[in-house]
Amino acid sequence: MGSGTKQPQILPVKSPAVPTTMQPQAAVSKETAWLRAQFANFYRSSVPVPSDLQRREFGFGINKKIEFRHKGFRDQGELQRYLVEEAPLFMSFSAARYRDPAGRPMERKGFLGSDLIFDLDKVYSGEPGHPAEEHHPVACAYCLNRSKQDALRLCDEFLFSDLGFSKNDAFLNFSGSKGFHVHIESDSVQQLSQDARRQLADFIGANELSSESFLSATFGEESIRKVGFHGPKKGEIGWKGRIHAFVRKRVAEISEGEVRAPPFELRGKDVIELHERRAELLDAVDRGLYAAFKSLEKITPALITQALQHYRVELDKQVTLDTGRLIRLQGSIHGDTGFLAKKLLWAQAASFEPLRDALAFPKLTETVAIVPSVSGSIVLGGQVMEYNEGTRQDAPMALAVLLVAKKKAVLAL
């Protein structure tokens, strides 16, 4: 290179010493010590702080997410000193607020209330449009984008539209790993029981819903012989509105080949009726008269089942109902990836890309010598980065931290 070109900075493999307070009894690998040193350096200039810090319980870990808990802090400075001196790789805080966050057992903490948390960490490998062989084993951009879409849909369709929360009540947080968390901190949720939280998760996930939940029997004048059923109609809201919209769209576009195949399996006159009287069927759907035509009556239960699967948001329900849960703290680094658990502004949420916008170590000119144990490529910070099994390479810091944290690389000697 010419004299005017700046050489990439090669960071030393040897890490500064980190305190041993949190270290397990077994010897700590040089990779773990190096990661802890990088995290400590990060926390010297950036401190993750939750609301009501003094009322929150904290948990930390090195080899797994929570090895130590029942920790409380008086202020931001005390928290920062702990992070710099102890250098944990994982950091979580309580959804709940307590009089004495460090108290133990749990009963001595003095429960004051708990935020409402929704955790989305589904792996989308194998779904239509993302075959298993295309799933990235280290950090999958497709799965992260799908998780973000589901999180935004959870907020827009369920929390804001159905349940009446506002953007002032909630915030969206990238977990730093596979998915997203939605936090609601408003006063209205602080005293919700576990059963109420379970009902909310079940409502959003359609866990207790089926086609029978939306179809009511219709009887003849003598109220003896059941002659069909009625269901969601035009103008309804919530799950009924979603069911109506889905069924109407499918009835409008479904082909003859589709209705002959499972799960519908229409035959003969029913197929002809659906094809030739489609406009009348759509009018019946708008009025909720799903038994007005035999073909419509036969396909409706399967269509509702499809609608439930299409609109439901899959949650880790235990996170929502457990008021004593510790959850990833926004602004902290995730020890499995080196990515930030990043709180998103609503205006930026739609364009947020974790592999570009959540790098705790984004400087591409800083490189570290590693030896990967796998081969592949990944786009980090907008740059394609390749890694080759068994080959020493000077990797950008973001890639080095990711592969070392995933135990897919070791530091070069």
Protein backbone atom coordinates (compact mmCIF):
# COMPACT_ATOMS: atom_id res chain seq x y z
CA MET A 1 0.00 0.00 0.00
CA GLY A 2 1.07 3.59 -0.55
CA SER A 3 2.23 5.74 2.30
CA GLY A 4 -1.08 7.63 2.26
CA THR A 5 -3.17 4.49 2.94
CA LYS A 6 -3.95 3.73 6.55
CA GLN A 7 -3.06 0.19 7.55
CA PRO A 8 -5.80 -1.80 9.36
CA GLN A 9 -5.26 -1.93 13.10
CA ILE A 10 -4.41 -5.45 14.28
CA LEU A 11 -5.59 -5.87 17.85
CA PRO A 12 -3.38 -8.04 20.07
CA VAL A 13 -4.61 -11.51 20.92
CA LYS A 14 -3.36 -11.24 24.47
CA SER A 15 -6.17 -9.73 26.52
CA PRO A 16 -5.83 -7.48 29.54
CA ALA A 17 -6.51 -9.23 32.79
CA VAL A 18 -10.10 -9.30 33.98
CA PRO A 19 -11.22 -9.85 37.57
CA THR A 20 -11.93 -13.38 38.68
CA THR A 21 -14.98 -12.72 40.86
CA MET A 22 -17.40 -14.13 38.31
CA GLN A 23 -15.15 -16.80 36.84
CA PRO A 24 -16.19 -20.42 37.38
CA GLN A 25 -13.85 -22.87 39.07
CA ALA A 26 -12.66 -24.37 35.78
CA ALA A 27 -9.91 -22.58 33.89
CA VAL A 28 -11.15 -19.82 31.61
CA SER A 29 -10.16 -20.19 27.96
CA LYS A 30 -8.18 -17.46 26.26
CA GLU A 31 -11.20 -16.89 24.00
CA THR A 32 -13.51 -16.25 26.97
CA ALA A 33 -10.95 -13.97 28.61
CA TRP A 34 -10.55 -12.06 25.35
CA LEU A 35 -14.31 -11.64 24.90
CA ARG A 36 -14.67 -10.38 28.46
CA ALA A 37 -11.92 -7.84 27.88
CA GLN A 38 -13.66 -6.53 24.76
CA PHE A 39 -16.98 -6.28 26.59
CA ALA A 40 -15.35 -4.45 29.51
CA ASN A 41 -13.82 -1.95 27.11
CA PHE A 42 -17.23 -1.36 25.55
CA TYR A 43 -18.90 -0.73 28.91
CA ARG A 44 -16.30 1.89 29.82
CA SER A 45 -18.02 4.28 27.42
CA SER A 46 -21.55 2.86 27.14
CA VAL A 47 -23.75 1.85 30.06
CA PRO A 48 -27.07 0.03 29.58
CA VAL A 49 -29.59 1.54 32.01
CA PRO A 50 -33.21 0.41 32.43
CA SER A 51 -36.03 2.53 33.78
CA ASP A 52 -36.22 2.51 37.60
CA LEU A 53 -32.71 1.05 37.86
CA GLN A 54 -32.78 1.02 41.68
CA ARG A 55 -35.90 -1.19 41.65
CA ARG A 56 -34.61 -3.82 39.23
CA GLU A 57 -32.96 -7.14 39.95
CA PHE A 58 -30.01 -8.03 37.71
CA GLY A 59 -28.55 -11.33 36.59
CA PHE A 60 -25.23 -12.07 34.90
CA GLY A 61 -23.38 -14.93 33.31
CA ILE A 62 -20.19 -15.94 31.57
CA ASN A 63 -20.77 -19.45 30.27
CA LYS A 64 -24.56 -19.20 30.16
CA LYS A 65 -27.16 -16.47 30.28
CA ILE A 66 -27.82 -16.36 34.03
CA GLU A 67 -25.29 -17.81 36.46
CA PHE A 68 -25.61 -15.07 39.08
CA ARG A 69 -28.72 -13.10 40.05
CA HIS A 70 -30.23 -11.25 43.05
CA LYS A 71 -28.01 -8.27 42.29
CA GLY A 72 -29.10 -4.66 42.68
CA PHE A 73 -27.46 -1.29 41.98
CA ARG A 74 -27.91 2.13 43.55
CA ASP A 75 -27.12 4.14 40.45
CA GLN A 76 -25.67 4.11 36.95
CA GLY A 77 -22.11 4.62 38.17
CA GLU A 78 -22.22 1.54 40.39
CA LEU A 79 -23.62 -0.53 37.52
CA GLN A 80 -20.90 0.68 35.17
CA ARG A 81 -18.13 -0.15 37.64
CA TYR A 82 -19.52 -3.65 38.00
CA LEU A 83 -19.66 -4.19 34.23
CA VAL A 84 -16.12 -2.92 33.67
CA GLU A 85 -14.59 -4.79 36.61
CA GLU A 86 -16.49 -8.08 36.31
CA ALA A 87 -16.94 -8.11 32.52
CA PRO A 88 -19.95 -10.46 32.24
CA LEU A 89 -20.81 -11.83 28.81
CA PHE A 90 -24.53 -11.95 29.55
CA MET A 91 -26.65 -9.38 31.33
CA SER A 92 -30.35 -9.46 32.19
CA PHE A 93 -32.71 -7.44 34.37
CA SER A 94 -36.07 -8.08 35.95
CA ALA A 95 -39.39 -7.30 34.34
CA ALA A 96 -40.52 -6.64 37.91
CA ARG A 97 -39.78 -3.77 40.26
CA TYR A 98 -38.95 -4.54 43.91
CA ARG A 99 -38.44 -2.67 47.17
CA ASP A 100 -35.23 -4.68 47.69
CA PRO A 101 -34.06 -6.16 44.34
CA ALA A 102 -31.08 -7.90 45.96
CA GLY A 103 -33.21 -9.61 48.60
CA ARG A 104 -33.43 -13.38 48.74
CA PRO A 105 -35.38 -15.56 48.65
CA MET A 106 -37.79 -13.99 46.17
CA GLU A 107 -40.43 -13.36 48.84
CA ARG A 108 -38.12 -10.88 50.60
CA LYS A 109 -37.70 -8.65 47.58
CA GLY A 110 -41.06 -6.91 48.03
CA PHE A 111 -42.86 -7.10 44.69
CA LEU A 112 -44.10 -3.70 43.46
CA GLY A 113 -45.26 -4.52 39.93
CA SER A 114 -44.06 -6.02 36.67
CA ASP A 115 -43.79 -4.88 33.08
CA LEU A 116 -45.52 -6.93 30.40
CA ILE A 117 -42.99 -8.68 28.16
CA PHE A 118 -43.46 -10.55 24.89
CA ASP A 119 -40.55 -12.64 23.62
CA LEU A 120 -40.26 -13.65 19.95
CA ASP A 121 -37.34 -15.96 19.18
CA LYS A 122 -38.77 -18.38 16.63
CA VAL A 123 -36.44 -19.97 14.06
CA TYR A 124 -38.07 -19.72 10.63
CA SER A 125 -35.95 -22.36 8.91
CA GLY A 126 -38.06 -24.58 6.69
CA GLU A 127 -40.99 -22.23 6.19
CA PRO A 128 -42.11 -21.42 2.62
CA GLY A 129 -39.54 -19.13 1.04
CA HIS A 130 -36.76 -20.19 3.38
CA PRO A 131 -35.77 -23.85 2.92
CA ALA A 132 -33.63 -25.40 5.63
CA GLU A 133 -30.57 -25.57 3.38
CA GLU A 134 -30.63 -21.75 3.02
CA HIS A 135 -30.72 -21.11 6.77
CA HIS A 136 -27.52 -19.44 7.97
CA PRO A 137 -26.13 -21.46 10.90
CA VAL A 138 -24.29 -18.54 12.53
CA ALA A 139 -26.65 -15.55 12.18
CA CYS A 140 -29.58 -15.75 9.77
CA ALA A 141 -30.64 -12.43 8.23
CA TYR A 142 -33.87 -13.98 6.92
CA CYS A 143 -34.96 -15.25 10.35
CA LEU A 144 -34.08 -11.95 12.00
CA ASN A 145 -36.14 -10.02 9.47
CA ARG A 146 -39.10 -12.39 9.87
CA SER A 147 -38.89 -12.06 13.65
CA LYS A 148 -38.91 -8.27 13.31
CA GLN A 149 -41.95 -8.45 11.03
CA ASP A 150 -43.80 -10.59 13.56
CA ALA A 151 -42.83 -8.22 16.39
CA LEU A 152 -44.14 -5.21 14.47
CA ARG A 153 -47.30 -7.12 13.60
CA LEU A 154 -47.74 -8.06 17.26
CA CYS A 155 -47.60 -4.37 18.15
CA ASP A 156 -49.72 -2.97 15.32
CA GLU A 157 -52.43 -5.62 15.04
CA PHE A 158 -52.75 -6.90 18.59
CA LEU A 159 -51.30 -4.52 21.19
CA PHE A 160 -52.26 -1.22 19.56
CA SER A 161 -55.36 -2.15 17.54
CA ASP A 162 -57.02 -4.90 19.60
CA LEU A 163 -55.85 -4.12 23.13
CA GLY A 164 -55.64 -0.33 23.03
CA PHE A 165 -52.01 0.23 24.01
CA SER A 166 -50.10 3.05 22.35
CA LYS A 167 -46.53 3.55 21.19
CA ASN A 168 -45.98 5.59 24.34
CA ASP A 169 -46.74 2.48 26.41
CA ALA A 170 -44.42 0.07 24.61
CA PHE A 171 -40.98 -0.26 23.11
CA LEU A 172 -39.36 -2.82 20.83
CA ASN A 173 -35.98 -4.31 21.68
CA PHE A 174 -33.74 -6.52 19.55
CA SER A 175 -32.56 -9.32 21.84
CA GLY A 176 -29.01 -9.33 20.50
CA SER A 177 -29.42 -12.88 19.25
CA LYS A 178 -32.34 -14.56 17.45
CA GLY A 179 -35.35 -12.35 18.01
CA PHE A 180 -37.11 -9.39 19.56
CA HIS A 181 -38.75 -8.41 22.84
CA VAL A 182 -41.72 -6.09 23.26
CA HIS A 183 -41.86 -4.27 26.61
CA ILE A 184 -44.94 -2.54 28.02
CA GLU A 185 -44.11 -0.46 31.09
CA SER A 186 -47.40 1.42 31.61
CA ASP A 187 -49.09 1.51 35.01
CA SER A 188 -52.06 -0.45 33.64
CA VAL A 189 -50.06 -3.70 33.39
CA GLN A 190 -48.00 -3.59 36.58
CA GLN A 191 -50.43 -5.59 38.73
CA LEU A 192 -51.66 -8.04 36.09
CA SER A 193 -51.85 -11.57 37.47
CA GLN A 194 -50.03 -14.48 35.87
CA ASP A 195 -53.37 -15.79 34.64
CA ALA A 196 -54.18 -12.47 32.94
CA ARG A 197 -50.76 -12.45 31.28
CA ARG A 198 -51.29 -16.03 30.13
CA GLN A 199 -54.63 -15.06 28.59
CA LEU A 200 -52.99 -12.24 26.65
CA ALA A 201 -50.29 -14.57 25.31
CA ASP A 202 -52.92 -17.16 24.38
CA PHE A 203 -55.01 -14.51 22.62
CA ILE A 204 -52.06 -13.30 20.53
CA GLY A 205 -50.84 -16.82 19.79
CA ALA A 206 -54.36 -18.19 19.09
CA ASN A 207 -53.44 -20.99 21.47
CA GLU A 208 -57.00 -21.76 22.55
CA LEU A 209 -58.74 -20.94 19.26
CA SER A 210 -60.03 -23.24 16.53
CA SER A 211 -62.55 -23.05 13.70
CA GLU A 212 -65.28 -24.00 16.18
CA SER A 213 -64.48 -20.84 18.16
CA PHE A 214 -65.85 -18.72 15.31
CA LEU A 215 -68.76 -20.77 13.97
CA SER A 216 -72.15 -20.79 15.68
CA ALA A 217 -74.81 -23.35 14.84
CA THR A 218 -77.87 -22.14 12.94
CA PHE A 219 -81.13 -23.97 13.62
CA GLY A 220 -84.43 -24.23 11.77
CA GLU A 221 -87.61 -22.61 13.03
CA GLU A 222 -88.43 -25.58 15.25
CA SER A 223 -84.96 -25.33 16.86
CA ILE A 224 -84.54 -29.06 16.43
CA ARG A 225 -82.61 -29.62 13.22
CA LYS A 226 -79.27 -27.89 12.77
CA VAL A 227 -79.16 -26.53 9.25
CA GLY A 228 -75.70 -24.90 9.20
CA PHE A 229 -73.65 -22.24 10.93
CA HIS A 230 -72.79 -18.57 10.78
CA GLY A 231 -69.57 -16.79 11.64
CA PRO A 232 -67.44 -13.64 11.29
CA LYS A 233 -68.88 -11.01 8.98
CA LYS A 234 -67.82 -7.77 7.36
CA GLY A 235 -67.06 -4.91 9.73
CA GLU A 236 -66.03 -6.98 12.76
CA ILE A 237 -62.75 -6.38 14.57
CA GLY A 238 -60.12 -8.43 16.37
CA TRP A 239 -59.82 -12.10 15.53
CA LYS A 240 -63.27 -12.10 13.91
CA GLY A 241 -62.22 -9.32 11.57
CA ARG A 242 -59.02 -11.14 10.66
CA ILE A 243 -60.90 -14.39 10.03
CA HIS A 244 -63.44 -12.67 7.79
CA ALA A 245 -60.74 -10.89 5.76
CA PHE A 246 -58.74 -14.08 5.26
CA VAL A 247 -61.72 -16.27 4.31
CA ARG A 248 -63.05 -13.66 1.89
CA LYS A 249 -59.69 -13.29 0.16
CA ARG A 250 -59.26 -17.04 -0.19
CA VAL A 251 -62.79 -17.60 -1.50
CA ALA A 252 -62.21 -14.84 -4.06
CA GLU A 253 -59.01 -16.35 -5.43
CA ILE A 254 -59.06 -20.09 -4.69
CA SER A 255 -58.67 -22.24 -7.80
CA GLU A 256 -60.50 -25.37 -8.86
CA GLY A 257 -57.34 -27.38 -8.36
CA GLU A 258 -56.95 -26.13 -4.79
CA VAL A 259 -60.49 -26.95 -3.71
CA ARG A 260 -60.17 -30.48 -5.08
CA ALA A 261 -56.98 -31.07 -3.06
CA PRO A 262 -56.58 -31.51 0.73
CA PRO A 263 -57.69 -30.10 3.08
CA PHE A 264 -60.83 -29.13 1.11
CA GLU A 265 -61.42 -32.08 -1.26
CA LEU A 266 -64.56 -30.73 -2.93
CA ARG A 267 -66.13 -32.78 -5.69
CA GLY A 268 -68.80 -32.52 -8.38
CA LYS A 269 -71.55 -29.95 -7.84
CA ASP A 270 -69.67 -28.26 -4.99
CA VAL A 271 -66.74 -27.41 -7.27
CA ILE A 272 -69.10 -26.07 -9.94
CA GLU A 273 -71.01 -24.01 -7.36
CA LEU A 274 -67.86 -22.40 -6.00
CA HIS A 275 -66.65 -21.54 -9.49
CA GLU A 276 -69.92 -20.31 -11.03
CA ARG A 277 -71.47 -18.56 -8.01
CA ARG A 278 -68.36 -17.02 -6.49
CA ALA A 279 -69.85 -13.52 -6.23
CA GLU A 280 -72.80 -14.89 -4.26
CA LEU A 281 -70.45 -16.82 -1.98
CA LEU A 282 -68.50 -13.64 -1.27
CA ASP A 283 -71.72 -11.83 -0.37
CA ALA A 284 -72.58 -14.69 2.00
CA VAL A 285 -69.15 -14.41 3.63
CA ASP A 286 -69.68 -10.66 4.14
CA ARG A 287 -72.96 -11.42 5.92
CA GLY A 288 -71.44 -14.27 7.96
CA LEU A 289 -73.72 -16.86 6.34
CA TYR A 290 -71.22 -19.64 5.85
CA ALA A 291 -73.89 -22.32 5.43
CA ALA A 292 -75.71 -20.49 2.63
CA PHE A 293 -73.89 -22.64 0.07
CA LYS A 294 -72.74 -26.24 0.49
CA SER A 295 -69.34 -25.54 -1.04
CA LEU A 296 -68.74 -22.62 1.33
CA GLU A 297 -69.91 -24.61 4.34
CA LYS A 298 -67.50 -27.42 3.52
CA ILE A 299 -64.37 -25.31 3.02
CA THR A 300 -64.91 -22.75 5.81
CA PRO A 301 -63.51 -24.76 8.78
CA ALA A 302 -60.25 -25.44 6.93
CA LEU A 303 -59.99 -21.80 5.84
CA ILE A 304 -60.41 -20.60 9.43
CA THR A 305 -57.69 -23.01 10.56
CA GLN A 306 -55.41 -21.55 7.89
CA ALA A 307 -56.30 -18.01 9.00
CA LEU A 308 -55.39 -18.74 12.61
CA GLN A 309 -52.02 -20.10 11.54
CA HIS A 310 -51.44 -17.14 9.23
CA TYR A 311 -52.19 -14.38 11.74
CA ARG A 312 -51.04 -15.84 15.06
CA VAL A 313 -47.79 -14.59 16.58
CA GLU A 314 -45.72 -17.36 18.16
CA LEU A 315 -44.45 -16.29 21.58
CA ASP A 316 -42.40 -17.77 24.39
CA LYS A 317 -45.43 -17.73 26.68
CA GLN A 318 -43.44 -18.43 29.84
CA VAL A 319 -41.64 -15.09 29.48
CA THR A 320 -44.96 -13.23 29.40
CA LEU A 321 -46.61 -14.88 32.40
CA ASP A 322 -43.54 -15.07 34.69
CA THR A 323 -43.42 -11.81 36.68
CA GLY A 324 -40.07 -12.81 38.21
CA ARG A 325 -38.43 -13.28 34.83
CA LEU A 326 -35.06 -11.77 33.96
CA ILE A 327 -34.88 -10.48 30.39
CA ARG A 328 -32.07 -9.16 28.18
CA LEU A 329 -31.24 -5.55 29.07
CA GLN A 330 -31.43 -3.10 26.19
CA GLY A 331 -28.03 -1.61 25.45
CA SER A 332 -26.11 -4.65 26.72
CA ILE A 333 -24.03 -7.01 24.56
CA HIS A 334 -25.24 -10.55 23.96
CA GLY A 335 -22.52 -13.04 24.83
CA ASP A 336 -23.53 -15.47 22.07
CA THR A 337 -23.09 -12.97 19.24
CA GLY A 338 -21.38 -9.74 20.25
CA PHE A 339 -24.48 -7.90 19.01
CA LEU A 340 -26.21 -5.17 20.98
CA ALA A 341 -29.59 -5.79 22.53
CA LYS A 342 -30.83 -2.61 20.93
CA LYS A 343 -33.89 -0.55 21.81
CA LEU A 344 -35.55 0.68 18.62
CA LEU A 345 -37.20 3.99 17.90
CA TRP A 346 -40.58 3.37 16.30
CA ALA A 347 -39.68 5.55 13.32
CA GLN A 348 -36.62 3.38 12.65
CA ALA A 349 -38.04 -0.04 13.45
CA ALA A 350 -39.17 -0.97 9.93
CA SER A 351 -35.73 -0.29 8.43
CA PHE A 352 -33.72 -1.80 11.29
CA GLU A 353 -31.33 -4.58 10.25
CA PRO A 354 -29.60 -6.33 13.17
CA LEU A 355 -26.56 -7.45 11.17
CA ARG A 356 -25.98 -3.86 10.14
CA ASP A 357 -27.36 -1.74 12.98
CA ALA A 358 -26.70 -3.77 16.15
CA LEU A 359 -22.95 -4.39 15.97
CA ALA A 360 -21.28 -3.59 19.29
CA PHE A 361 -17.92 -3.60 17.50
CA PRO A 362 -18.64 -2.03 14.11
CA LYS A 363 -15.19 -0.73 13.09
CA LEU A 364 -14.27 -2.78 10.05
CA THR A 365 -10.66 -1.57 10.13
CA GLU A 366 -10.03 -3.30 13.46
CA THR A 367 -9.01 -6.88 12.82
CA VAL A 368 -8.19 -9.88 14.98
CA ALA A 369 -6.30 -13.03 14.00
CA ILE A 370 -8.56 -16.08 14.30
CA VAL A 371 -8.78 -19.65 13.02
CA PRO A 372 -12.38 -20.58 12.12
CA SER A 373 -13.65 -24.14 12.58
CA VAL A 374 -16.28 -23.68 9.84
CA SER A 375 -16.39 -22.11 6.40
CA GLY A 376 -18.91 -19.63 5.07
CA SER A 377 -19.70 -15.99 4.52
CA ILE A 378 -21.91 -13.42 6.18
CA VAL A 379 -22.83 -9.78 5.63
CA LEU A 380 -22.00 -7.65 8.68
CA GLY A 381 -22.15 -3.87 8.65
CA GLY A 382 -22.97 -3.98 4.96
CA GLN A 383 -19.77 -5.84 4.09
CA VAL A 384 -19.49 -9.43 2.90
CA MET A 385 -17.10 -11.30 5.18
CA GLU A 386 -15.76 -14.75 4.41
CA TYR A 387 -14.24 -17.27 6.79
CA ASN A 388 -12.51 -20.55 6.02
CA GLU A 389 -12.17 -23.62 8.20
CA GLY A 390 -8.68 -24.19 9.59
CA THR A 391 -7.23 -21.07 7.95
CA ARG A 392 -5.67 -18.27 9.95
CA GLN A 393 -7.15 -14.93 8.94
CA ASP A 394 -7.27 -11.35 10.11
CA ALA A 395 -11.01 -10.95 10.62
CA PRO A 396 -12.85 -7.66 11.23
CA MET A 397 -13.69 -7.31 14.91
CA ALA A 398 -17.43 -7.87 14.42
CA LEU A 399 -16.81 -11.18 12.65
CA ALA A 400 -14.13 -12.27 15.11
CA VAL A 401 -16.35 -11.62 18.13
CA LEU A 402 -19.31 -13.38 16.49
CA LEU A 403 -17.39 -16.53 15.54
CA VAL A 404 -15.50 -16.73 18.84
CA ALA A 405 -18.72 -16.18 20.82
CA LYS A 406 -20.43 -18.90 18.76
CA LYS A 407 -17.43 -21.18 19.38
CA LYS A 408 -16.91 -21.34 15.63
CA ALA A 409 -13.37 -19.95 15.84
CA VAL A 410 -10.40 -19.68 18.17
CA LEU A 411 -7.86 -16.93 18.53
CA ALA A 412 -4.72 -17.52 16.48
CA LEU A 413 -1.64 -18.22 18.56
